[in-house]
N, C-alpha and C. Protein backbone atom coordinates (compact mmCIF):
# COMPACT_ATOMS: atom_id res chain seq x y z
N MET A 1 0.85 -1.18 0.00
CA MET A 1 0.00 0.00 0.00
C MET A 1 0.89 1.25 0.00
N ARG A 2 0.57 2.16 -0.84
CA ARG A 2 1.35 3.38 -1.00
C ARG A 2 1.07 4.35 0.15
N ASP A 3 2.14 4.96 0.68
CA ASP A 3 2.00 5.91 1.77
C ASP A 3 1.69 7.29 1.20
N LEU A 4 0.47 7.77 1.42
CA LEU A 4 0.05 9.09 0.94
C LEU A 4 -0.20 10.05 2.10
N SER A 5 0.39 9.75 3.25
CA SER A 5 0.14 10.55 4.45
C SER A 5 0.67 11.98 4.35
N ARG A 6 1.62 12.23 3.46
CA ARG A 6 2.17 13.59 3.33
C ARG A 6 1.43 14.44 2.30
N ILE A 7 0.44 13.87 1.65
CA ILE A 7 -0.30 14.60 0.61
C ILE A 7 -1.18 15.67 1.26
N LYS A 8 -1.05 16.90 0.75
CA LYS A 8 -1.82 18.03 1.29
C LYS A 8 -2.87 18.56 0.31
N VAL A 9 -2.75 18.20 -0.97
CA VAL A 9 -3.72 18.61 -1.98
C VAL A 9 -3.70 17.59 -3.11
N MET A 10 -4.86 17.43 -3.76
CA MET A 10 -4.98 16.45 -4.85
C MET A 10 -5.56 17.10 -6.09
N PHE A 11 -5.01 16.72 -7.24
CA PHE A 11 -5.51 17.17 -8.54
C PHE A 11 -5.86 15.93 -9.35
N PHE A 12 -7.06 15.92 -9.93
CA PHE A 12 -7.53 14.79 -10.71
C PHE A 12 -7.93 15.25 -12.11
N ASP A 13 -7.51 14.50 -13.11
CA ASP A 13 -7.98 14.70 -14.46
C ASP A 13 -9.47 14.34 -14.52
N PHE A 14 -10.19 14.89 -15.47
CA PHE A 14 -11.61 14.59 -15.61
C PHE A 14 -11.87 13.38 -16.51
N ASP A 15 -11.53 13.51 -17.79
CA ASP A 15 -11.90 12.52 -18.79
C ASP A 15 -11.17 11.19 -18.59
N ASN A 16 -11.96 10.15 -18.36
CA ASN A 16 -11.47 8.78 -18.15
C ASN A 16 -10.59 8.63 -16.92
N THR A 17 -10.72 9.59 -16.00
CA THR A 17 -10.10 9.46 -14.68
C THR A 17 -11.23 9.57 -13.66
N LEU A 18 -11.82 10.76 -13.51
CA LEU A 18 -12.98 10.91 -12.64
C LEU A 18 -14.25 10.46 -13.36
N ALA A 19 -14.33 10.79 -14.63
CA ALA A 19 -15.51 10.50 -15.44
C ALA A 19 -15.15 9.44 -16.48
N ILE A 20 -15.79 8.31 -16.39
CA ILE A 20 -15.53 7.23 -17.33
C ILE A 20 -16.54 7.33 -18.47
N HIS A 21 -16.03 7.58 -19.66
CA HIS A 21 -16.87 7.73 -20.85
C HIS A 21 -17.01 6.38 -21.55
N GLU A 22 -18.16 6.19 -22.18
CA GLU A 22 -18.34 4.99 -22.99
C GLU A 22 -17.28 4.99 -24.08
N ARG A 23 -16.76 3.82 -24.41
CA ARG A 23 -15.73 3.71 -25.45
C ARG A 23 -16.21 4.34 -26.75
N MET A 24 -15.28 5.02 -27.37
CA MET A 24 -15.51 5.63 -28.69
C MET A 24 -16.72 6.59 -28.68
N CYS A 25 -17.01 7.13 -27.53
CA CYS A 25 -18.17 8.00 -27.41
C CYS A 25 -17.85 9.42 -27.87
N GLU A 26 -18.66 9.92 -28.74
CA GLU A 26 -18.61 11.32 -29.14
C GLU A 26 -19.97 11.90 -28.75
N ILE A 27 -19.95 12.97 -27.98
CA ILE A 27 -21.22 13.58 -27.61
C ILE A 27 -21.69 14.40 -28.80
N PRO A 28 -22.84 14.04 -29.39
CA PRO A 28 -23.33 14.77 -30.56
C PRO A 28 -23.57 16.25 -30.23
N ASP A 29 -23.14 17.13 -31.13
CA ASP A 29 -23.35 18.57 -30.98
C ASP A 29 -22.92 19.05 -29.59
N TYR A 30 -21.69 18.72 -29.21
CA TYR A 30 -21.16 18.98 -27.87
C TYR A 30 -21.31 20.44 -27.44
N THR A 31 -20.85 21.38 -28.25
CA THR A 31 -20.93 22.80 -27.87
C THR A 31 -22.37 23.25 -27.77
N LEU A 32 -23.20 22.82 -28.68
CA LEU A 32 -24.62 23.16 -28.63
C LEU A 32 -25.26 22.62 -27.35
N LYS A 33 -24.92 21.39 -27.00
CA LYS A 33 -25.47 20.78 -25.78
C LYS A 33 -24.99 21.53 -24.54
N ILE A 34 -23.72 21.97 -24.54
CA ILE A 34 -23.20 22.75 -23.41
C ILE A 34 -24.03 24.02 -23.21
N LEU A 35 -24.39 24.66 -24.29
CA LEU A 35 -25.14 25.91 -24.21
C LEU A 35 -26.62 25.69 -23.89
N GLU A 36 -27.21 24.66 -24.48
CA GLU A 36 -28.65 24.42 -24.31
C GLU A 36 -29.02 23.66 -23.04
N ASP A 37 -28.20 22.71 -22.66
CA ASP A 37 -28.56 21.82 -21.55
C ASP A 37 -27.33 21.45 -20.73
N PRO A 38 -26.67 22.46 -20.13
CA PRO A 38 -25.37 22.22 -19.47
C PRO A 38 -25.41 21.19 -18.35
N GLU A 39 -26.52 21.05 -17.66
CA GLU A 39 -26.58 20.12 -16.53
C GLU A 39 -26.62 18.66 -16.96
N ASN A 40 -26.90 18.42 -18.24
CA ASN A 40 -27.05 17.03 -18.69
C ASN A 40 -26.10 16.63 -19.80
N VAL A 41 -25.04 17.39 -20.03
CA VAL A 41 -24.11 17.09 -21.11
C VAL A 41 -23.54 15.68 -20.98
N TYR A 42 -23.10 15.32 -19.80
CA TYR A 42 -22.39 14.05 -19.62
C TYR A 42 -23.27 12.91 -19.10
N ASN A 43 -24.51 13.18 -18.75
CA ASN A 43 -25.33 12.17 -18.09
C ASN A 43 -25.55 10.90 -18.90
N GLN A 44 -25.74 11.03 -20.20
CA GLN A 44 -26.07 9.86 -21.02
C GLN A 44 -24.85 8.99 -21.32
N TYR A 45 -23.66 9.58 -21.39
CA TYR A 45 -22.49 8.87 -21.88
C TYR A 45 -21.40 8.63 -20.84
N THR A 46 -21.61 9.07 -19.60
CA THR A 46 -20.51 9.11 -18.64
C THR A 46 -20.95 8.60 -17.27
N LYS A 47 -20.05 7.85 -16.63
CA LYS A 47 -20.30 7.34 -15.28
C LYS A 47 -19.15 7.78 -14.37
N PRO A 48 -19.44 8.05 -13.09
CA PRO A 48 -18.35 8.37 -12.16
C PRO A 48 -17.48 7.14 -11.91
N ASN A 49 -16.20 7.37 -11.74
CA ASN A 49 -15.26 6.29 -11.46
C ASN A 49 -15.47 5.82 -10.02
N ALA A 50 -16.06 4.65 -9.88
CA ALA A 50 -16.42 4.12 -8.56
C ALA A 50 -15.18 3.86 -7.69
N GLY A 51 -14.09 3.45 -8.30
CA GLY A 51 -12.86 3.21 -7.55
C GLY A 51 -12.31 4.48 -6.94
N ILE A 52 -12.35 5.56 -7.70
CA ILE A 52 -11.87 6.84 -7.17
C ILE A 52 -12.81 7.33 -6.07
N LYS A 53 -14.10 7.11 -6.23
CA LYS A 53 -15.04 7.49 -5.16
C LYS A 53 -14.66 6.80 -3.85
N LEU A 54 -14.37 5.51 -3.91
CA LEU A 54 -13.96 4.77 -2.70
C LEU A 54 -12.64 5.30 -2.16
N PHE A 55 -11.70 5.57 -3.04
CA PHE A 55 -10.38 6.11 -2.66
C PHE A 55 -10.53 7.43 -1.92
N LEU A 56 -11.42 8.30 -2.40
CA LEU A 56 -11.59 9.63 -1.81
C LEU A 56 -12.16 9.58 -0.39
N GLU A 57 -12.82 8.49 -0.04
CA GLU A 57 -13.38 8.38 1.32
C GLU A 57 -12.31 8.49 2.39
N SER A 58 -11.09 8.13 2.06
CA SER A 58 -9.98 8.22 3.02
C SER A 58 -9.34 9.61 3.07
N PHE A 59 -9.82 10.52 2.24
CA PHE A 59 -9.20 11.85 2.13
C PHE A 59 -10.24 12.96 2.17
N LYS A 60 -11.21 12.83 3.07
CA LYS A 60 -12.31 13.79 3.14
C LYS A 60 -11.83 15.23 3.37
N SER A 61 -10.81 15.42 4.19
CA SER A 61 -10.39 16.78 4.53
C SER A 61 -9.28 17.33 3.62
N THR A 62 -8.84 16.54 2.67
CA THR A 62 -7.79 16.99 1.75
C THR A 62 -8.42 17.79 0.62
N PRO A 63 -7.92 19.01 0.35
CA PRO A 63 -8.47 19.79 -0.78
C PRO A 63 -8.25 19.05 -2.10
N LYS A 64 -9.27 19.10 -2.96
CA LYS A 64 -9.21 18.40 -4.24
C LYS A 64 -9.68 19.33 -5.37
N PHE A 65 -8.98 19.22 -6.50
CA PHE A 65 -9.33 19.98 -7.68
C PHE A 65 -9.40 19.05 -8.87
N CYS A 66 -10.27 19.39 -9.80
CA CYS A 66 -10.27 18.73 -11.10
C CYS A 66 -9.42 19.62 -12.00
N ILE A 67 -8.53 19.02 -12.77
CA ILE A 67 -7.71 19.77 -13.72
C ILE A 67 -7.86 19.08 -15.07
N THR A 68 -8.36 19.83 -16.06
CA THR A 68 -8.77 19.20 -17.31
C THR A 68 -8.26 19.94 -18.52
N LEU A 69 -7.95 19.19 -19.53
CA LEU A 69 -7.53 19.73 -20.81
C LEU A 69 -8.78 20.09 -21.60
N THR A 70 -8.95 21.34 -21.98
CA THR A 70 -10.16 21.76 -22.68
C THR A 70 -9.84 22.69 -23.83
N THR A 71 -10.79 22.80 -24.73
CA THR A 71 -10.66 23.74 -25.83
C THR A 71 -11.48 25.00 -25.59
N THR A 72 -12.37 24.95 -24.60
CA THR A 72 -13.21 26.11 -24.30
C THR A 72 -13.50 26.15 -22.80
N SER A 73 -13.59 27.35 -22.26
CA SER A 73 -13.87 27.49 -20.82
C SER A 73 -15.27 27.01 -20.46
N LEU A 74 -16.16 26.93 -21.43
CA LEU A 74 -17.51 26.41 -21.16
C LEU A 74 -17.46 24.98 -20.63
N GLU A 75 -16.48 24.22 -21.08
CA GLU A 75 -16.37 22.83 -20.64
C GLU A 75 -16.13 22.73 -19.14
N GLY A 76 -15.35 23.64 -18.60
CA GLY A 76 -15.06 23.63 -17.17
C GLY A 76 -16.31 23.74 -16.33
N GLU A 77 -17.22 24.59 -16.76
CA GLU A 77 -18.47 24.79 -16.02
C GLU A 77 -19.32 23.52 -16.01
N VAL A 78 -19.48 22.89 -17.17
CA VAL A 78 -20.33 21.69 -17.21
C VAL A 78 -19.66 20.51 -16.51
N LYS A 79 -18.34 20.45 -16.58
CA LYS A 79 -17.64 19.39 -15.86
C LYS A 79 -17.79 19.57 -14.35
N GLN A 80 -17.72 20.82 -13.87
CA GLN A 80 -17.92 21.08 -12.45
C GLN A 80 -19.34 20.73 -12.02
N MET A 81 -20.33 21.04 -12.85
CA MET A 81 -21.72 20.66 -12.54
C MET A 81 -21.82 19.15 -12.39
N TRP A 82 -21.21 18.42 -13.33
CA TRP A 82 -21.26 16.97 -13.28
C TRP A 82 -20.56 16.45 -12.02
N LEU A 83 -19.41 17.04 -11.68
CA LEU A 83 -18.69 16.62 -10.46
C LEU A 83 -19.53 16.90 -9.22
N ASP A 84 -20.15 18.07 -9.14
CA ASP A 84 -20.98 18.40 -7.98
C ASP A 84 -22.11 17.39 -7.81
N LYS A 85 -22.65 16.93 -8.93
CA LYS A 85 -23.74 15.96 -8.88
C LYS A 85 -23.24 14.56 -8.51
N ASN A 86 -22.09 14.17 -9.04
CA ASN A 86 -21.63 12.79 -8.90
C ASN A 86 -20.56 12.58 -7.82
N PHE A 87 -19.91 13.65 -7.36
CA PHE A 87 -18.89 13.54 -6.31
C PHE A 87 -19.22 14.48 -5.15
N SER A 88 -20.43 14.93 -5.07
CA SER A 88 -21.01 15.69 -3.96
C SER A 88 -20.03 16.53 -3.13
N GLY A 89 -19.58 17.62 -3.69
CA GLY A 89 -18.77 18.57 -2.93
C GLY A 89 -17.31 18.21 -2.74
N GLU A 90 -16.84 17.12 -3.34
CA GLU A 90 -15.44 16.71 -3.17
C GLU A 90 -14.47 17.66 -3.87
N PHE A 91 -14.88 18.23 -5.00
CA PHE A 91 -13.98 19.05 -5.81
C PHE A 91 -14.41 20.51 -5.78
N SER A 92 -13.54 21.36 -5.23
CA SER A 92 -13.91 22.75 -5.06
C SER A 92 -13.87 23.55 -6.34
N LYS A 93 -13.12 23.07 -7.34
CA LYS A 93 -13.00 23.84 -8.57
C LYS A 93 -12.52 22.93 -9.70
N THR A 94 -12.95 23.27 -10.92
CA THR A 94 -12.42 22.64 -12.11
C THR A 94 -11.54 23.65 -12.81
N ILE A 95 -10.28 23.29 -12.98
CA ILE A 95 -9.29 24.16 -13.61
C ILE A 95 -9.10 23.69 -15.05
N CYS A 96 -9.25 24.61 -16.00
CA CYS A 96 -9.10 24.28 -17.41
C CYS A 96 -7.72 24.69 -17.90
N THR A 97 -7.08 23.80 -18.65
CA THR A 97 -5.79 24.10 -19.25
C THR A 97 -5.84 23.75 -20.74
N ALA A 98 -4.96 24.39 -21.50
CA ALA A 98 -4.92 24.15 -22.94
C ALA A 98 -3.86 23.13 -23.34
N THR A 99 -2.90 22.86 -22.44
CA THR A 99 -1.82 21.91 -22.76
C THR A 99 -1.54 21.02 -21.57
N LEU A 100 -0.88 19.92 -21.84
CA LEU A 100 -0.48 19.00 -20.77
C LEU A 100 0.51 19.69 -19.83
N GLU A 101 1.44 20.47 -20.40
CA GLU A 101 2.44 21.17 -19.60
C GLU A 101 1.78 22.17 -18.65
N GLU A 102 0.70 22.77 -19.11
CA GLU A 102 -0.01 23.74 -18.29
C GLU A 102 -0.61 23.08 -17.04
N LYS A 103 -1.04 21.84 -17.16
CA LYS A 103 -1.55 21.12 -15.98
C LYS A 103 -0.48 21.09 -14.90
N VAL A 104 0.74 20.74 -15.30
CA VAL A 104 1.85 20.64 -14.35
C VAL A 104 2.21 22.03 -13.82
N ASN A 105 2.21 23.03 -14.69
CA ASN A 105 2.51 24.40 -14.25
C ASN A 105 1.51 24.89 -13.21
N VAL A 106 0.23 24.56 -13.37
CA VAL A 106 -0.79 24.95 -12.40
C VAL A 106 -0.48 24.33 -11.04
N MET A 107 -0.13 23.04 -11.02
CA MET A 107 0.18 22.37 -9.75
C MET A 107 1.43 22.96 -9.10
N CYS A 108 2.44 23.26 -9.89
CA CYS A 108 3.67 23.85 -9.36
C CYS A 108 3.41 25.25 -8.82
N THR A 109 2.57 26.01 -9.50
CA THR A 109 2.20 27.35 -9.03
C THR A 109 1.43 27.25 -7.72
N TYR A 110 0.51 26.30 -7.65
CA TYR A 110 -0.25 26.07 -6.42
C TYR A 110 0.71 25.79 -5.27
N ALA A 111 1.70 24.94 -5.53
CA ALA A 111 2.68 24.60 -4.50
C ALA A 111 3.42 25.84 -4.01
N LYS A 112 3.83 26.69 -4.93
CA LYS A 112 4.55 27.92 -4.55
C LYS A 112 3.66 28.85 -3.73
N VAL A 113 2.45 29.07 -4.19
CA VAL A 113 1.52 29.99 -3.51
C VAL A 113 1.21 29.52 -2.10
N PHE A 114 0.99 28.23 -1.94
CA PHE A 114 0.60 27.69 -0.64
C PHE A 114 1.76 27.04 0.13
N LYS A 115 2.97 27.34 -0.34
CA LYS A 115 4.20 26.90 0.34
C LYS A 115 4.23 25.39 0.59
N LEU A 116 3.94 24.66 -0.47
CA LEU A 116 3.98 23.20 -0.41
C LEU A 116 5.17 22.69 -1.21
N LYS A 117 5.62 21.52 -0.85
CA LYS A 117 6.63 20.83 -1.65
C LYS A 117 5.89 20.03 -2.73
N PRO A 118 6.49 19.87 -3.90
CA PRO A 118 5.81 19.09 -4.95
C PRO A 118 5.38 17.69 -4.48
N GLU A 119 6.18 17.09 -3.60
CA GLU A 119 5.82 15.75 -3.13
C GLU A 119 4.64 15.73 -2.15
N GLU A 120 4.08 16.90 -1.86
CA GLU A 120 2.87 16.97 -1.04
C GLU A 120 1.62 17.09 -1.91
N ILE A 121 1.81 16.98 -3.22
CA ILE A 121 0.71 17.05 -4.18
C ILE A 121 0.54 15.68 -4.83
N LEU A 122 -0.72 15.21 -4.89
CA LEU A 122 -1.03 13.99 -5.63
C LEU A 122 -1.75 14.40 -6.91
N PHE A 123 -1.30 13.84 -8.02
CA PHE A 123 -1.92 14.07 -9.33
C PHE A 123 -2.35 12.73 -9.89
N VAL A 124 -3.62 12.61 -10.26
CA VAL A 124 -4.16 11.37 -10.82
C VAL A 124 -4.63 11.65 -12.24
N ASP A 125 -4.09 10.89 -13.18
CA ASP A 125 -4.42 11.09 -14.59
C ASP A 125 -4.21 9.77 -15.33
N ASP A 126 -4.97 9.56 -16.38
CA ASP A 126 -4.85 8.33 -17.16
C ASP A 126 -3.84 8.46 -18.30
N HIS A 127 -3.29 9.64 -18.54
CA HIS A 127 -2.34 9.85 -19.64
C HIS A 127 -0.90 9.76 -19.15
N VAL A 128 -0.15 8.87 -19.72
CA VAL A 128 1.25 8.66 -19.34
C VAL A 128 2.08 9.92 -19.54
N GLU A 129 1.83 10.65 -20.64
CA GLU A 129 2.61 11.86 -20.91
C GLU A 129 2.46 12.88 -19.79
N THR A 130 1.25 13.07 -19.33
CA THR A 130 1.00 14.06 -18.29
C THR A 130 1.56 13.61 -16.95
N THR A 131 1.36 12.35 -16.60
CA THR A 131 1.90 11.88 -15.32
C THR A 131 3.42 11.89 -15.34
N SER A 132 4.02 11.65 -16.49
CA SER A 132 5.47 11.70 -16.60
C SER A 132 5.99 13.12 -16.37
N LEU A 133 5.34 14.10 -16.97
CA LEU A 133 5.72 15.50 -16.75
C LEU A 133 5.58 15.90 -15.28
N ALA A 134 4.49 15.47 -14.65
CA ALA A 134 4.26 15.81 -13.24
C ALA A 134 5.30 15.12 -12.35
N LYS A 135 5.59 13.88 -12.65
CA LYS A 135 6.58 13.13 -11.88
C LYS A 135 7.96 13.80 -11.98
N ASP A 136 8.31 14.26 -13.18
CA ASP A 136 9.58 14.97 -13.39
C ASP A 136 9.64 16.26 -12.56
N ALA A 137 8.48 16.85 -12.27
CA ALA A 137 8.41 18.07 -11.47
C ALA A 137 8.39 17.76 -9.96
N GLY A 138 8.42 16.47 -9.61
CA GLY A 138 8.45 16.09 -8.20
C GLY A 138 7.10 15.79 -7.58
N VAL A 139 6.03 15.87 -8.38
CA VAL A 139 4.67 15.62 -7.90
C VAL A 139 4.46 14.10 -7.78
N VAL A 140 3.72 13.68 -6.77
CA VAL A 140 3.36 12.27 -6.61
C VAL A 140 2.25 11.97 -7.63
N VAL A 141 2.43 10.93 -8.42
CA VAL A 141 1.45 10.62 -9.45
C VAL A 141 0.89 9.21 -9.27
N MET A 142 -0.36 9.07 -9.69
CA MET A 142 -1.01 7.77 -9.74
C MET A 142 -1.91 7.75 -10.97
N THR A 143 -2.16 6.57 -11.47
CA THR A 143 -3.13 6.40 -12.54
C THR A 143 -4.43 5.88 -11.91
N PRO A 144 -5.55 5.99 -12.62
CA PRO A 144 -6.79 5.40 -12.10
C PRO A 144 -6.64 3.90 -11.83
N GLN A 145 -5.86 3.22 -12.67
CA GLN A 145 -5.65 1.78 -12.46
C GLN A 145 -4.90 1.51 -11.16
N GLU A 146 -3.91 2.35 -10.86
CA GLU A 146 -3.18 2.18 -9.59
C GLU A 146 -4.12 2.40 -8.41
N ILE A 147 -5.03 3.33 -8.54
CA ILE A 147 -6.01 3.55 -7.46
C ILE A 147 -6.91 2.33 -7.32
N MET A 148 -7.35 1.76 -8.43
CA MET A 148 -8.17 0.55 -8.37
C MET A 148 -7.40 -0.59 -7.69
N ASN A 149 -6.12 -0.71 -8.00
CA ASN A 149 -5.30 -1.74 -7.36
C ASN A 149 -5.22 -1.52 -5.85
N GLU A 150 -5.10 -0.25 -5.43
CA GLU A 150 -5.07 0.09 -3.99
C GLU A 150 -6.39 -0.34 -3.32
N ILE A 151 -7.50 -0.04 -3.99
CA ILE A 151 -8.83 -0.39 -3.44
C ILE A 151 -8.97 -1.91 -3.33
N ILE A 152 -8.57 -2.62 -4.36
CA ILE A 152 -8.64 -4.08 -4.33
C ILE A 152 -7.79 -4.62 -3.18
N GLU A 153 -6.60 -4.06 -3.02
CA GLU A 153 -5.71 -4.52 -1.94
C GLU A 153 -6.34 -4.24 -0.57
N GLN A 154 -6.98 -3.09 -0.42
CA GLN A 154 -7.63 -2.77 0.86
C GLN A 154 -8.77 -3.71 1.17
N LEU A 155 -9.51 -4.11 0.14
CA LEU A 155 -10.67 -4.95 0.34
C LEU A 155 -10.33 -6.43 0.52
N SER A 156 -9.11 -6.82 0.17
CA SER A 156 -8.78 -8.25 0.28
C SER A 156 -8.07 -8.57 1.59
């Protein structure tokens, strides 16, 4: 079992980390749906990651943010609505970035502002490129699969 006792803040990717999308799913008329029906954009095609929900039960008092790669700021709002509905207050904010490097820069800036060491930040993402960049910056990284393995180990 991995020791996460020094973690003071957590950042989670949205797509296929917190929110599991149906394979090969394209949301028809995505931007139109965001504007017309923002509360239901992801309901038909997306389920919350049950393993991460169980994992978060051990970190109720740890601040958590969603950090997502987006092409428009509108996506951040609908993703936060979905998180509020499916993760009930766990994530205080959804941060939108345009590049993978920007995700890491946001976490490093957070560390500087709040006087944290990079190893006091946990970043969970399903993309190897992003977790590799974060790891190079000293951030503790996990994949959703590693979290599932932790849950399985706890339950056995």
